[in-house]
Amino acid sequence: MSHFGRSGPPDIRDTFSLLVLNISFRTTADDLYPLFERYGKVVDVFIPRDRRTGDSRGFAFVRYKYADEAQKAIDRLDGRNVDGRNIMVQFAKYGPNAEPIQKGRVKEGAEKSRDRSRSRSPRPSASPARRSASPHKSPPPRRSPTPEKHTNGKDSPLSRSVSPSPKRASSHSPGSDGKNVEKVD
């Protein structure tokens, strides 16, 4: 939740966002706001939460109006002990050129993975030909050619046969017609 409560989301155009890693799960935006406010005008403090549990995910975003104030906060707060943990503060990086973060640290020299996305949402593909030309997928199973019909209208011997359905007994079990039947020895 943002520090600013019911006033709605702040205008974040032309702001500088900091990523704060390794915060305690007990740390709130109200705890971080005065800490970062010392170094400049804080526009917003946001702590992402787990959708299922509502618990903190262990990191936060702090937005500053000016880049020099954000840099000052990084210089002074990176490595500082907050709520029993040493936090890491850096400029947040967005978009395709952002460095991946793994276990609270930015990976050095990480290569982009071409593996499948972990998202369950379908991704639009460029063209159907691209989808079928994937070297990772096996080709679809081949079907046998459609059997030709003889002149008499019956299928050729190559066609599949139909199994006969089980025969149903025409007699009813005792008592099925609504009458009580007694068995005589």
N, C-alpha and C. Protein backbone atom coordinates (compact mmCIF):
# COMPACT_ATOMS: atom_id res chain seq x y z
N MET A 1 0.85 -1.17 0.00
CA MET A 1 0.00 0.00 0.00
C MET A 1 0.89 1.23 0.00
N SER A 2 0.45 2.21 -0.71
CA SER A 2 1.19 3.46 -0.80
C SER A 2 1.09 4.22 0.52
N HIS A 3 2.08 5.00 0.81
CA HIS A 3 2.08 5.83 2.01
C HIS A 3 0.97 6.87 1.95
N PHE A 4 0.51 7.18 0.75
CA PHE A 4 -0.40 8.30 0.58
C PHE A 4 -1.87 7.94 0.74
N GLY A 5 -2.20 6.69 1.02
CA GLY A 5 -3.55 6.27 1.38
C GLY A 5 -4.61 6.58 0.34
N ARG A 6 -5.69 7.26 0.75
CA ARG A 6 -6.88 7.45 -0.06
C ARG A 6 -6.77 8.57 -1.09
N SER A 7 -5.68 9.29 -1.11
CA SER A 7 -5.57 10.40 -2.06
C SER A 7 -5.38 9.91 -3.49
N GLY A 8 -5.26 8.62 -3.67
CA GLY A 8 -5.10 8.05 -5.01
C GLY A 8 -3.65 7.93 -5.38
N PRO A 9 -3.39 7.32 -6.53
CA PRO A 9 -2.00 7.14 -6.94
C PRO A 9 -1.37 8.48 -7.30
N PRO A 10 -0.10 8.66 -6.97
CA PRO A 10 0.57 9.92 -7.29
C PRO A 10 0.90 9.99 -8.77
N ASP A 11 1.16 11.19 -9.24
CA ASP A 11 1.61 11.39 -10.60
C ASP A 11 3.09 11.00 -10.65
N ILE A 12 3.40 9.94 -11.37
CA ILE A 12 4.77 9.42 -11.34
C ILE A 12 5.57 9.79 -12.59
N ARG A 13 5.00 10.65 -13.43
CA ARG A 13 5.78 11.11 -14.59
C ARG A 13 6.98 11.91 -14.08
N ASP A 14 8.07 11.73 -14.74
CA ASP A 14 9.29 12.47 -14.39
C ASP A 14 9.74 12.22 -12.96
N THR A 15 9.60 10.98 -12.50
CA THR A 15 10.10 10.63 -11.17
C THR A 15 11.23 9.62 -11.34
N PHE A 16 11.98 9.43 -10.28
CA PHE A 16 13.11 8.51 -10.29
C PHE A 16 12.85 7.43 -9.24
N SER A 17 12.76 6.21 -9.72
CA SER A 17 12.36 5.10 -8.86
C SER A 17 13.57 4.33 -8.34
N LEU A 18 13.55 4.07 -7.04
CA LEU A 18 14.60 3.26 -6.41
C LEU A 18 14.01 1.91 -6.05
N LEU A 19 14.82 0.88 -6.22
CA LEU A 19 14.46 -0.47 -5.80
C LEU A 19 15.14 -0.72 -4.47
N VAL A 20 14.37 -1.08 -3.47
CA VAL A 20 14.90 -1.35 -2.14
C VAL A 20 14.74 -2.85 -1.89
N LEU A 21 15.85 -3.57 -1.84
CA LEU A 21 15.84 -5.02 -1.68
C LEU A 21 16.13 -5.44 -0.24
N ASN A 22 15.67 -6.64 0.10
CA ASN A 22 15.97 -7.28 1.38
C ASN A 22 15.30 -6.58 2.56
N ILE A 23 14.09 -6.05 2.35
CA ILE A 23 13.38 -5.47 3.50
C ILE A 23 12.69 -6.59 4.26
N SER A 24 12.47 -6.36 5.52
CA SER A 24 11.79 -7.33 6.37
C SER A 24 10.34 -7.44 5.93
N PHE A 25 9.74 -8.58 6.19
CA PHE A 25 8.33 -8.77 5.84
C PHE A 25 7.42 -7.95 6.75
N ARG A 26 7.96 -7.45 7.85
CA ARG A 26 7.20 -6.58 8.77
C ARG A 26 7.30 -5.11 8.39
N THR A 27 8.26 -4.74 7.55
CA THR A 27 8.48 -3.35 7.18
C THR A 27 7.31 -2.83 6.36
N THR A 28 6.84 -1.63 6.70
CA THR A 28 5.71 -1.03 5.99
C THR A 28 6.18 0.23 5.25
N ALA A 29 5.30 0.75 4.40
CA ALA A 29 5.60 2.00 3.69
C ALA A 29 5.77 3.14 4.70
N ASP A 30 5.02 3.09 5.80
CA ASP A 30 5.15 4.12 6.83
C ASP A 30 6.51 4.06 7.53
N ASP A 31 7.14 2.89 7.55
CA ASP A 31 8.49 2.77 8.11
C ASP A 31 9.54 3.34 7.16
N LEU A 32 9.36 3.11 5.87
CA LEU A 32 10.35 3.52 4.88
C LEU A 32 10.25 5.01 4.53
N TYR A 33 9.06 5.57 4.56
CA TYR A 33 8.86 6.95 4.15
C TYR A 33 9.76 7.94 4.90
N PRO A 34 9.75 7.96 6.25
CA PRO A 34 10.60 8.95 6.94
C PRO A 34 12.10 8.69 6.73
N LEU A 35 12.46 7.43 6.54
CA LEU A 35 13.86 7.09 6.31
C LEU A 35 14.36 7.70 5.00
N PHE A 36 13.55 7.61 3.95
CA PHE A 36 13.94 8.13 2.64
C PHE A 36 13.64 9.63 2.50
N GLU A 37 12.69 10.14 3.24
CA GLU A 37 12.31 11.55 3.17
C GLU A 37 13.46 12.47 3.60
N ARG A 38 14.39 11.95 4.40
CA ARG A 38 15.54 12.74 4.86
C ARG A 38 16.41 13.24 3.70
N TYR A 39 16.35 12.53 2.57
CA TYR A 39 17.27 12.83 1.47
C TYR A 39 16.59 13.53 0.30
N GLY A 40 15.29 13.83 0.42
CA GLY A 40 14.61 14.56 -0.65
C GLY A 40 13.12 14.30 -0.65
N LYS A 41 12.44 14.90 -1.60
CA LYS A 41 10.99 14.80 -1.71
C LYS A 41 10.59 13.42 -2.25
N VAL A 42 9.98 12.61 -1.38
CA VAL A 42 9.52 11.28 -1.78
C VAL A 42 8.12 11.43 -2.38
N VAL A 43 7.95 10.92 -3.59
CA VAL A 43 6.66 10.98 -4.28
C VAL A 43 5.78 9.81 -3.87
N ASP A 44 6.38 8.61 -3.71
CA ASP A 44 5.61 7.42 -3.39
C ASP A 44 6.51 6.34 -2.81
N VAL A 45 5.93 5.51 -1.93
CA VAL A 45 6.60 4.32 -1.43
C VAL A 45 5.63 3.17 -1.68
N PHE A 46 6.10 2.13 -2.38
CA PHE A 46 5.23 1.00 -2.73
C PHE A 46 5.92 -0.31 -2.35
N ILE A 47 5.22 -1.14 -1.60
CA ILE A 47 5.73 -2.46 -1.23
C ILE A 47 4.82 -3.50 -1.88
N PRO A 48 5.30 -4.22 -2.91
CA PRO A 48 4.47 -5.25 -3.55
C PRO A 48 4.11 -6.35 -2.56
N ARG A 49 2.92 -6.89 -2.72
CA ARG A 49 2.41 -7.93 -1.83
C ARG A 49 2.09 -9.19 -2.64
N ASP A 50 2.19 -10.33 -1.99
CA ASP A 50 1.81 -11.60 -2.59
C ASP A 50 0.30 -11.60 -2.80
N ARG A 51 -0.16 -11.96 -3.97
CA ARG A 51 -1.60 -11.93 -4.26
C ARG A 51 -2.40 -12.90 -3.40
N ARG A 52 -1.81 -14.05 -3.14
CA ARG A 52 -2.54 -15.08 -2.41
C ARG A 52 -2.57 -14.81 -0.92
N THR A 53 -1.44 -14.47 -0.34
CA THR A 53 -1.35 -14.33 1.12
C THR A 53 -1.45 -12.89 1.60
N GLY A 54 -1.13 -11.94 0.75
CA GLY A 54 -1.13 -10.54 1.16
C GLY A 54 0.14 -10.13 1.89
N ASP A 55 1.09 -11.04 2.04
CA ASP A 55 2.35 -10.73 2.71
C ASP A 55 3.27 -9.94 1.78
N SER A 56 4.18 -9.17 2.40
CA SER A 56 5.19 -8.43 1.65
C SER A 56 6.05 -9.42 0.87
N ARG A 57 6.53 -9.00 -0.30
CA ARG A 57 7.41 -9.85 -1.09
C ARG A 57 8.88 -9.59 -0.78
N GLY A 58 9.16 -8.69 0.16
CA GLY A 58 10.54 -8.49 0.60
C GLY A 58 11.31 -7.40 -0.13
N PHE A 59 10.63 -6.59 -0.94
CA PHE A 59 11.29 -5.46 -1.59
C PHE A 59 10.28 -4.33 -1.72
N ALA A 60 10.80 -3.16 -2.07
CA ALA A 60 9.94 -1.97 -2.18
C ALA A 60 10.45 -1.06 -3.29
N PHE A 61 9.59 -0.13 -3.69
CA PHE A 61 9.96 0.92 -4.64
C PHE A 61 9.72 2.26 -3.96
N VAL A 62 10.71 3.12 -4.04
CA VAL A 62 10.59 4.48 -3.50
C VAL A 62 10.84 5.43 -4.66
N ARG A 63 9.92 6.36 -4.88
CA ARG A 63 10.04 7.30 -5.99
C ARG A 63 10.39 8.70 -5.49
N TYR A 64 11.39 9.28 -6.13
CA TYR A 64 11.81 10.65 -5.84
C TYR A 64 11.47 11.55 -7.02
N LYS A 65 11.28 12.82 -6.72
CA LYS A 65 11.01 13.80 -7.77
C LYS A 65 12.28 14.16 -8.54
N TYR A 66 13.44 14.16 -7.84
CA TYR A 66 14.68 14.59 -8.48
C TYR A 66 15.74 13.50 -8.41
N ALA A 67 16.53 13.37 -9.49
CA ALA A 67 17.55 12.33 -9.60
C ALA A 67 18.66 12.50 -8.56
N ASP A 68 19.07 13.75 -8.27
CA ASP A 68 20.16 13.96 -7.31
C ASP A 68 19.74 13.54 -5.91
N GLU A 69 18.46 13.73 -5.56
CA GLU A 69 17.97 13.29 -4.25
C GLU A 69 17.93 11.76 -4.18
N ALA A 70 17.53 11.13 -5.27
CA ALA A 70 17.50 9.67 -5.33
C ALA A 70 18.92 9.11 -5.19
N GLN A 71 19.88 9.74 -5.87
CA GLN A 71 21.27 9.28 -5.77
C GLN A 71 21.81 9.45 -4.36
N LYS A 72 21.44 10.53 -3.70
CA LYS A 72 21.87 10.77 -2.32
C LYS A 72 21.32 9.67 -1.39
N ALA A 73 20.05 9.28 -1.62
CA ALA A 73 19.44 8.22 -0.81
C ALA A 73 20.16 6.89 -1.04
N ILE A 74 20.54 6.62 -2.28
CA ILE A 74 21.28 5.38 -2.58
C ILE A 74 22.62 5.40 -1.83
N ASP A 75 23.33 6.50 -1.94
CA ASP A 75 24.65 6.60 -1.30
C ASP A 75 24.58 6.43 0.21
N ARG A 76 23.54 6.96 0.83
CA ARG A 76 23.45 6.94 2.30
C ARG A 76 22.76 5.70 2.86
N LEU A 77 21.84 5.11 2.11
CA LEU A 77 21.03 4.02 2.67
C LEU A 77 21.41 2.62 2.20
N ASP A 78 22.16 2.51 1.11
CA ASP A 78 22.55 1.19 0.62
C ASP A 78 23.44 0.50 1.66
N GLY A 79 23.04 -0.68 2.10
CA GLY A 79 23.79 -1.43 3.09
C GLY A 79 23.40 -1.13 4.53
N ARG A 80 22.48 -0.20 4.72
CA ARG A 80 22.06 0.19 6.07
C ARG A 80 21.14 -0.87 6.67
N ASN A 81 21.23 -1.04 8.00
CA ASN A 81 20.39 -2.00 8.71
C ASN A 81 19.03 -1.35 9.00
N VAL A 82 17.97 -1.94 8.45
CA VAL A 82 16.60 -1.46 8.66
C VAL A 82 15.76 -2.64 9.10
N ASP A 83 15.18 -2.54 10.28
CA ASP A 83 14.29 -3.59 10.80
C ASP A 83 15.02 -4.94 10.88
N GLY A 84 16.30 -4.90 11.23
CA GLY A 84 17.07 -6.14 11.41
C GLY A 84 17.68 -6.71 10.14
N ARG A 85 17.59 -6.00 9.03
CA ARG A 85 18.16 -6.50 7.77
C ARG A 85 18.96 -5.41 7.08
N ASN A 86 20.02 -5.81 6.39
CA ASN A 86 20.81 -4.86 5.60
C ASN A 86 20.13 -4.70 4.25
N ILE A 87 19.60 -3.50 4.00
CA ILE A 87 18.88 -3.27 2.75
C ILE A 87 19.85 -2.91 1.64
N MET A 88 19.44 -3.18 0.42
CA MET A 88 20.20 -2.77 -0.76
C MET A 88 19.33 -1.78 -1.52
N VAL A 89 19.89 -0.65 -1.88
CA VAL A 89 19.14 0.40 -2.57
C VAL A 89 19.85 0.70 -3.89
N GLN A 90 19.08 0.70 -4.98
CA GLN A 90 19.62 0.98 -6.31
C GLN A 90 18.53 1.57 -7.18
N PHE A 91 18.92 2.19 -8.29
CA PHE A 91 17.91 2.68 -9.22
C PHE A 91 17.17 1.48 -9.80
N ALA A 92 15.84 1.58 -9.86
CA ALA A 92 15.04 0.52 -10.45
C ALA A 92 15.22 0.56 -11.96
N LYS A 93 15.33 -0.60 -12.57
CA LYS A 93 15.51 -0.69 -14.01
C LYS A 93 14.30 -1.38 -14.59
N TYR A 94 13.69 -0.76 -15.58
CA TYR A 94 12.50 -1.30 -16.21
C TYR A 94 12.77 -1.64 -17.65
N GLY A 95 11.91 -2.44 -18.22
CA GLY A 95 11.94 -2.71 -19.65
C GLY A 95 12.83 -3.87 -20.04
N PRO A 96 12.98 -4.08 -21.35
CA PRO A 96 13.71 -5.25 -21.85
C PRO A 96 15.20 -5.21 -21.54
N ASN A 97 15.75 -4.03 -21.28
CA ASN A 97 17.19 -3.93 -20.99
C ASN A 97 17.50 -4.04 -19.50
N ALA A 98 16.47 -4.26 -18.69
CA ALA A 98 16.67 -4.36 -17.25
C ALA A 98 17.45 -5.63 -16.92
N GLU A 99 18.28 -5.53 -15.92
CA GLU A 99 19.05 -6.69 -15.49
C GLU A 99 18.16 -7.56 -14.61
N PRO A 100 18.18 -8.89 -14.82
CA PRO A 100 17.34 -9.76 -14.00
C PRO A 100 17.82 -9.80 -12.55
N ILE A 101 16.89 -9.92 -11.64
CA ILE A 101 17.21 -9.98 -10.22
C ILE A 101 16.91 -11.38 -9.72
N GLN A 102 17.87 -11.98 -9.05
CA GLN A 102 17.67 -13.32 -8.53
C GLN A 102 18.07 -13.33 -7.06
N LYS A 103 17.14 -13.73 -6.22
CA LYS A 103 17.37 -13.81 -4.78
C LYS A 103 17.92 -12.51 -4.21
N GLY A 104 17.31 -11.40 -4.62
CA GLY A 104 17.66 -10.12 -4.04
C GLY A 104 18.91 -9.47 -4.60
N ARG A 105 19.55 -10.06 -5.59
CA ARG A 105 20.77 -9.48 -6.16
C ARG A 105 20.64 -9.41 -7.68
N VAL A 106 21.20 -8.37 -8.24
CA VAL A 106 21.21 -8.24 -9.69
C VAL A 106 22.26 -9.19 -10.23
N LYS A 107 21.87 -10.01 -11.21
CA LYS A 107 22.82 -10.96 -11.79
C LYS A 107 23.81 -10.21 -12.67
N GLU A 108 25.05 -10.57 -12.58
CA GLU A 108 26.10 -9.95 -13.38
C GLU A 108 26.24 -10.72 -14.69
N GLY A 109 26.25 -9.99 -15.80
CA GLY A 109 26.49 -10.62 -17.10
C GLY A 109 25.48 -11.69 -17.46
N ALA A 110 24.24 -11.52 -17.08
CA ALA A 110 23.24 -12.54 -17.35
C ALA A 110 22.85 -12.52 -18.82
N GLU A 111 22.73 -13.71 -19.39
CA GLU A 111 22.27 -13.82 -20.76
C GLU A 111 20.76 -13.95 -20.75
N LYS A 112 20.15 -13.44 -21.83
CA LYS A 112 18.70 -13.59 -21.91
C LYS A 112 18.37 -15.03 -22.24
N SER A 113 17.43 -15.56 -21.51
CA SER A 113 17.02 -16.94 -21.71
C SER A 113 15.97 -17.02 -22.81
N ARG A 114 16.07 -18.04 -23.61
CA ARG A 114 15.07 -18.24 -24.66
C ARG A 114 14.11 -19.35 -24.26
N ASP A 115 14.10 -19.69 -22.99
CA ASP A 115 13.18 -20.70 -22.51
C ASP A 115 11.77 -20.17 -22.53
N ARG A 116 10.84 -21.07 -22.27
CA ARG A 116 9.44 -20.68 -22.24
C ARG A 116 9.17 -19.75 -21.07
N SER A 117 8.19 -18.94 -21.25
CA SER A 117 7.75 -18.04 -20.18
C SER A 117 7.05 -18.86 -19.11
N ARG A 118 7.13 -18.42 -17.85
CA ARG A 118 6.45 -19.12 -16.78
C ARG A 118 4.99 -18.69 -16.69
N SER A 119 4.62 -17.70 -17.49
CA SER A 119 3.25 -17.20 -17.47
C SER A 119 2.32 -18.23 -18.08
N ARG A 120 1.13 -18.33 -17.52
CA ARG A 120 0.14 -19.24 -18.09
C ARG A 120 -0.73 -18.54 -19.11
N SER A 121 -0.51 -17.25 -19.29
CA SER A 121 -1.29 -16.50 -20.26
C SER A 121 -0.79 -16.81 -21.65
N PRO A 122 -1.71 -16.97 -22.60
CA PRO A 122 -1.25 -17.24 -23.97
C PRO A 122 -0.57 -16.01 -24.55
N ARG A 123 0.50 -16.25 -25.28
CA ARG A 123 1.20 -15.14 -25.92
C ARG A 123 0.82 -15.13 -27.38
N PRO A 124 0.57 -13.95 -27.93
CA PRO A 124 0.26 -13.90 -29.37
C PRO A 124 1.50 -14.25 -30.17
N SER A 125 1.30 -15.02 -31.23
CA SER A 125 2.46 -15.39 -32.04
C SER A 125 2.47 -14.55 -33.30
N ALA A 126 3.63 -14.45 -33.92
CA ALA A 126 3.78 -13.63 -35.11
C ALA A 126 3.01 -14.21 -36.29
N SER A 127 3.10 -15.53 -36.48
CA SER A 127 2.39 -16.17 -37.58
C SER A 127 2.22 -17.65 -37.27
N PRO A 128 1.23 -18.30 -37.88
CA PRO A 128 1.05 -19.73 -37.64
C PRO A 128 2.24 -20.55 -38.11
N ALA A 129 2.92 -20.10 -39.18
CA ALA A 129 4.07 -20.85 -39.68
C ALA A 129 5.18 -20.88 -38.65
N ARG A 130 5.34 -19.79 -37.92
CA ARG A 130 6.39 -19.73 -36.90
C ARG A 130 6.11 -20.73 -35.79
N ARG A 131 4.85 -20.86 -35.45
CA ARG A 131 4.48 -21.77 -34.38
C ARG A 131 4.78 -23.22 -34.76
N SER A 132 4.45 -23.61 -36.00
CA SER A 132 4.64 -25.00 -36.40
C SER A 132 6.09 -25.31 -36.75
N ALA A 133 6.90 -24.29 -37.00
CA ALA A 133 8.28 -24.52 -37.38
C ALA A 133 9.21 -24.62 -36.19
N SER A 134 8.67 -24.67 -34.99
CA SER A 134 9.50 -24.71 -33.79
C SER A 134 10.28 -26.01 -33.73
N PRO A 135 11.60 -25.95 -33.54
CA PRO A 135 12.39 -27.18 -33.49
C PRO A 135 12.19 -27.96 -32.19
N HIS A 136 11.57 -27.35 -31.20
CA HIS A 136 11.42 -28.02 -29.91
C HIS A 136 10.18 -28.90 -29.82
N LYS A 137 9.26 -28.75 -30.77
CA LYS A 137 8.02 -29.51 -30.70
C LYS A 137 8.07 -30.67 -31.68
N SER A 138 7.41 -31.76 -31.32
CA SER A 138 7.35 -32.90 -32.22
C SER A 138 6.27 -32.65 -33.27
N PRO A 139 6.41 -33.24 -34.45
CA PRO A 139 5.41 -33.02 -35.49
C PRO A 139 4.07 -33.66 -35.11
N PRO A 140 2.98 -33.16 -35.65
CA PRO A 140 1.68 -33.74 -35.32
C PRO A 140 1.59 -35.16 -35.87
N PRO A 141 0.80 -36.03 -35.23
CA PRO A 141 0.69 -37.41 -35.72
C PRO A 141 0.08 -37.44 -37.12
N ARG A 142 0.57 -38.37 -37.93
CA ARG A 142 0.07 -38.48 -39.30
C ARG A 142 -1.17 -39.36 -39.33
N ARG A 143 -2.07 -38.99 -40.20
CA ARG A 143 -3.29 -39.78 -40.37
C ARG A 143 -3.17 -40.61 -41.63
N SER A 144 -3.80 -41.76 -41.60
CA SER A 144 -3.80 -42.59 -42.81
C SER A 144 -4.75 -41.96 -43.82
N PRO A 145 -4.53 -42.24 -45.10
CA PRO A 145 -5.39 -41.64 -46.11
C PRO A 145 -6.84 -42.10 -45.94
N THR A 146 -7.75 -41.27 -46.36
CA THR A 146 -9.17 -41.60 -46.26
C THR A 146 -9.47 -42.76 -47.18
N PRO A 147 -10.14 -43.80 -46.67
CA PRO A 147 -10.43 -44.95 -47.54
C PRO A 147 -11.40 -44.57 -48.65
N GLU A 148 -11.17 -45.19 -49.79
CA GLU A 148 -12.04 -44.91 -50.92
C GLU A 148 -13.28 -45.80 -50.83
N LYS A 149 -14.36 -45.34 -51.38
CA LYS A 149 -15.62 -46.09 -51.36
C LYS A 149 -15.66 -47.01 -52.57
N HIS A 150 -16.19 -48.24 -52.34
CA HIS A 150 -16.42 -49.13 -53.48
C HIS A 150 -17.68 -48.68 -54.20
N THR A 151 -17.92 -49.28 -55.34
CA THR A 151 -19.09 -48.89 -56.11
C THR A 151 -20.38 -49.25 -55.39
N ASN A 152 -20.32 -50.26 -54.50
CA ASN A 152 -21.55 -50.63 -53.81
C ASN A 152 -21.81 -49.73 -52.61
N GLY A 153 -20.94 -48.75 -52.32
CA GLY A 153 -21.18 -47.78 -51.26
C GLY A 153 -20.57 -48.17 -49.92
N LYS A 154 -20.00 -49.36 -49.83
CA LYS A 154 -19.41 -49.79 -48.56
C LYS A 154 -17.94 -49.37 -48.52
N ASP A 155 -17.43 -49.21 -47.31
CA ASP A 155 -16.03 -48.82 -47.15
C ASP A 155 -15.12 -49.96 -47.57
N SER A 156 -13.92 -49.62 -47.94
CA SER A 156 -12.93 -50.63 -48.32
C SER A 156 -12.44 -51.34 -47.07
N PRO A 157 -11.71 -52.44 -47.21
CA PRO A 157 -11.21 -53.18 -46.04
C PRO A 157 -10.24 -52.37 -45.19
N LEU A 158 -9.70 -51.23 -45.71
CA LEU A 158 -8.78 -50.42 -44.93
C LEU A 158 -9.49 -49.60 -43.86
N SER A 159 -10.79 -49.47 -43.94
CA SER A 159 -11.49 -48.63 -42.98
C SER A 159 -11.62 -49.32 -41.63
N ARG A 160 -11.88 -48.52 -40.63
CA ARG A 160 -12.04 -49.07 -39.28
C ARG A 160 -13.38 -49.75 -39.15
N SER A 161 -13.38 -50.81 -38.39
CA SER A 161 -14.65 -51.49 -38.15
C SER A 161 -15.30 -50.91 -36.91
N VAL A 162 -16.60 -51.06 -36.82
CA VAL A 162 -17.35 -50.57 -35.69
C VAL A 162 -17.69 -51.76 -34.81
N SER A 163 -17.34 -51.64 -33.53
CA SER A 163 -17.65 -52.73 -32.61
C SER A 163 -19.15 -52.75 -32.37
N PRO A 164 -19.72 -53.97 -32.33
CA PRO A 164 -21.16 -54.04 -32.05
C PRO A 164 -21.42 -53.59 -30.62
N SER A 165 -22.54 -52.91 -30.43
CA SER A 165 -22.88 -52.49 -29.08
C SER A 165 -23.39 -53.69 -28.31
N PRO A 166 -23.22 -53.68 -26.99
CA PRO A 166 -23.68 -54.83 -26.21
C PRO A 166 -25.19 -54.97 -26.35
N LYS A 167 -25.62 -56.23 -26.44
CA LYS A 167 -27.05 -56.49 -26.61
C LYS A 167 -27.75 -56.26 -25.30
N ARG A 168 -28.87 -55.63 -25.39
CA ARG A 168 -29.66 -55.38 -24.19
C ARG A 168 -30.71 -56.46 -24.07
N ALA A 169 -30.87 -56.90 -22.88
CA ALA A 169 -31.88 -57.93 -22.65
C ALA A 169 -33.26 -57.31 -22.81
N SER A 170 -34.14 -58.03 -23.48
CA SER A 170 -35.48 -57.50 -23.71
C SER A 170 -36.40 -57.79 -22.53
N SER A 171 -36.01 -58.73 -21.69
CA SER A 171 -36.86 -59.02 -20.53
C SER A 171 -36.50 -58.09 -19.39
N HIS A 172 -37.48 -57.81 -18.59
CA HIS A 172 -37.29 -56.93 -17.45
C HIS A 172 -36.94 -57.76 -16.24
N SER A 173 -36.21 -57.17 -15.34
CA SER A 173 -35.92 -57.87 -14.09
C SER A 173 -37.18 -57.91 -13.25
N PRO A 174 -37.24 -58.85 -12.31
CA PRO A 174 -38.46 -58.96 -11.49
C PRO A 174 -38.72 -57.65 -10.75
N GLY A 175 -39.94 -57.24 -10.82
CA GLY A 175 -40.34 -56.03 -10.11
C GLY A 175 -40.09 -54.76 -10.86
N SER A 176 -39.55 -54.83 -12.06
CA SER A 176 -39.24 -53.61 -12.78
C SER A 176 -40.47 -52.98 -13.42
N ASP A 177 -41.53 -53.75 -13.57
CA ASP A 177 -42.74 -53.19 -14.16
C ASP A 177 -43.67 -52.62 -13.09
N GLY A 178 -43.20 -52.57 -11.89
CA GLY A 178 -43.98 -51.99 -10.80
C GLY A 178 -44.77 -53.03 -10.03
N LYS A 179 -44.78 -54.29 -10.48
CA LYS A 179 -45.51 -55.35 -9.77
C LYS A 179 -44.55 -56.15 -8.92
N ASN A 180 -45.00 -56.62 -7.79
CA ASN A 180 -44.18 -57.48 -6.96
C ASN A 180 -44.29 -58.90 -7.45
N VAL A 181 -43.17 -59.53 -7.70
CA VAL A 181 -43.17 -60.91 -8.16
C VAL A 181 -42.52 -61.76 -7.10
N GLU A 182 -43.21 -62.83 -6.72
CA GLU A 182 -42.65 -63.74 -5.74
C GLU A 182 -42.04 -64.92 -6.45
N LYS A 183 -40.94 -65.38 -5.94
CA LYS A 183 -40.24 -66.51 -6.52
C LYS A 183 -40.78 -67.77 -5.87
N VAL A 184 -41.18 -68.75 -6.66
CA VAL A 184 -41.74 -70.00 -6.14
C VAL A 184 -40.72 -71.09 -6.38
N ASP A 185 -40.48 -71.90 -5.30
CA ASP A 185 -39.50 -72.99 -5.44
C ASP A 185 -40.11 -74.24 -5.95
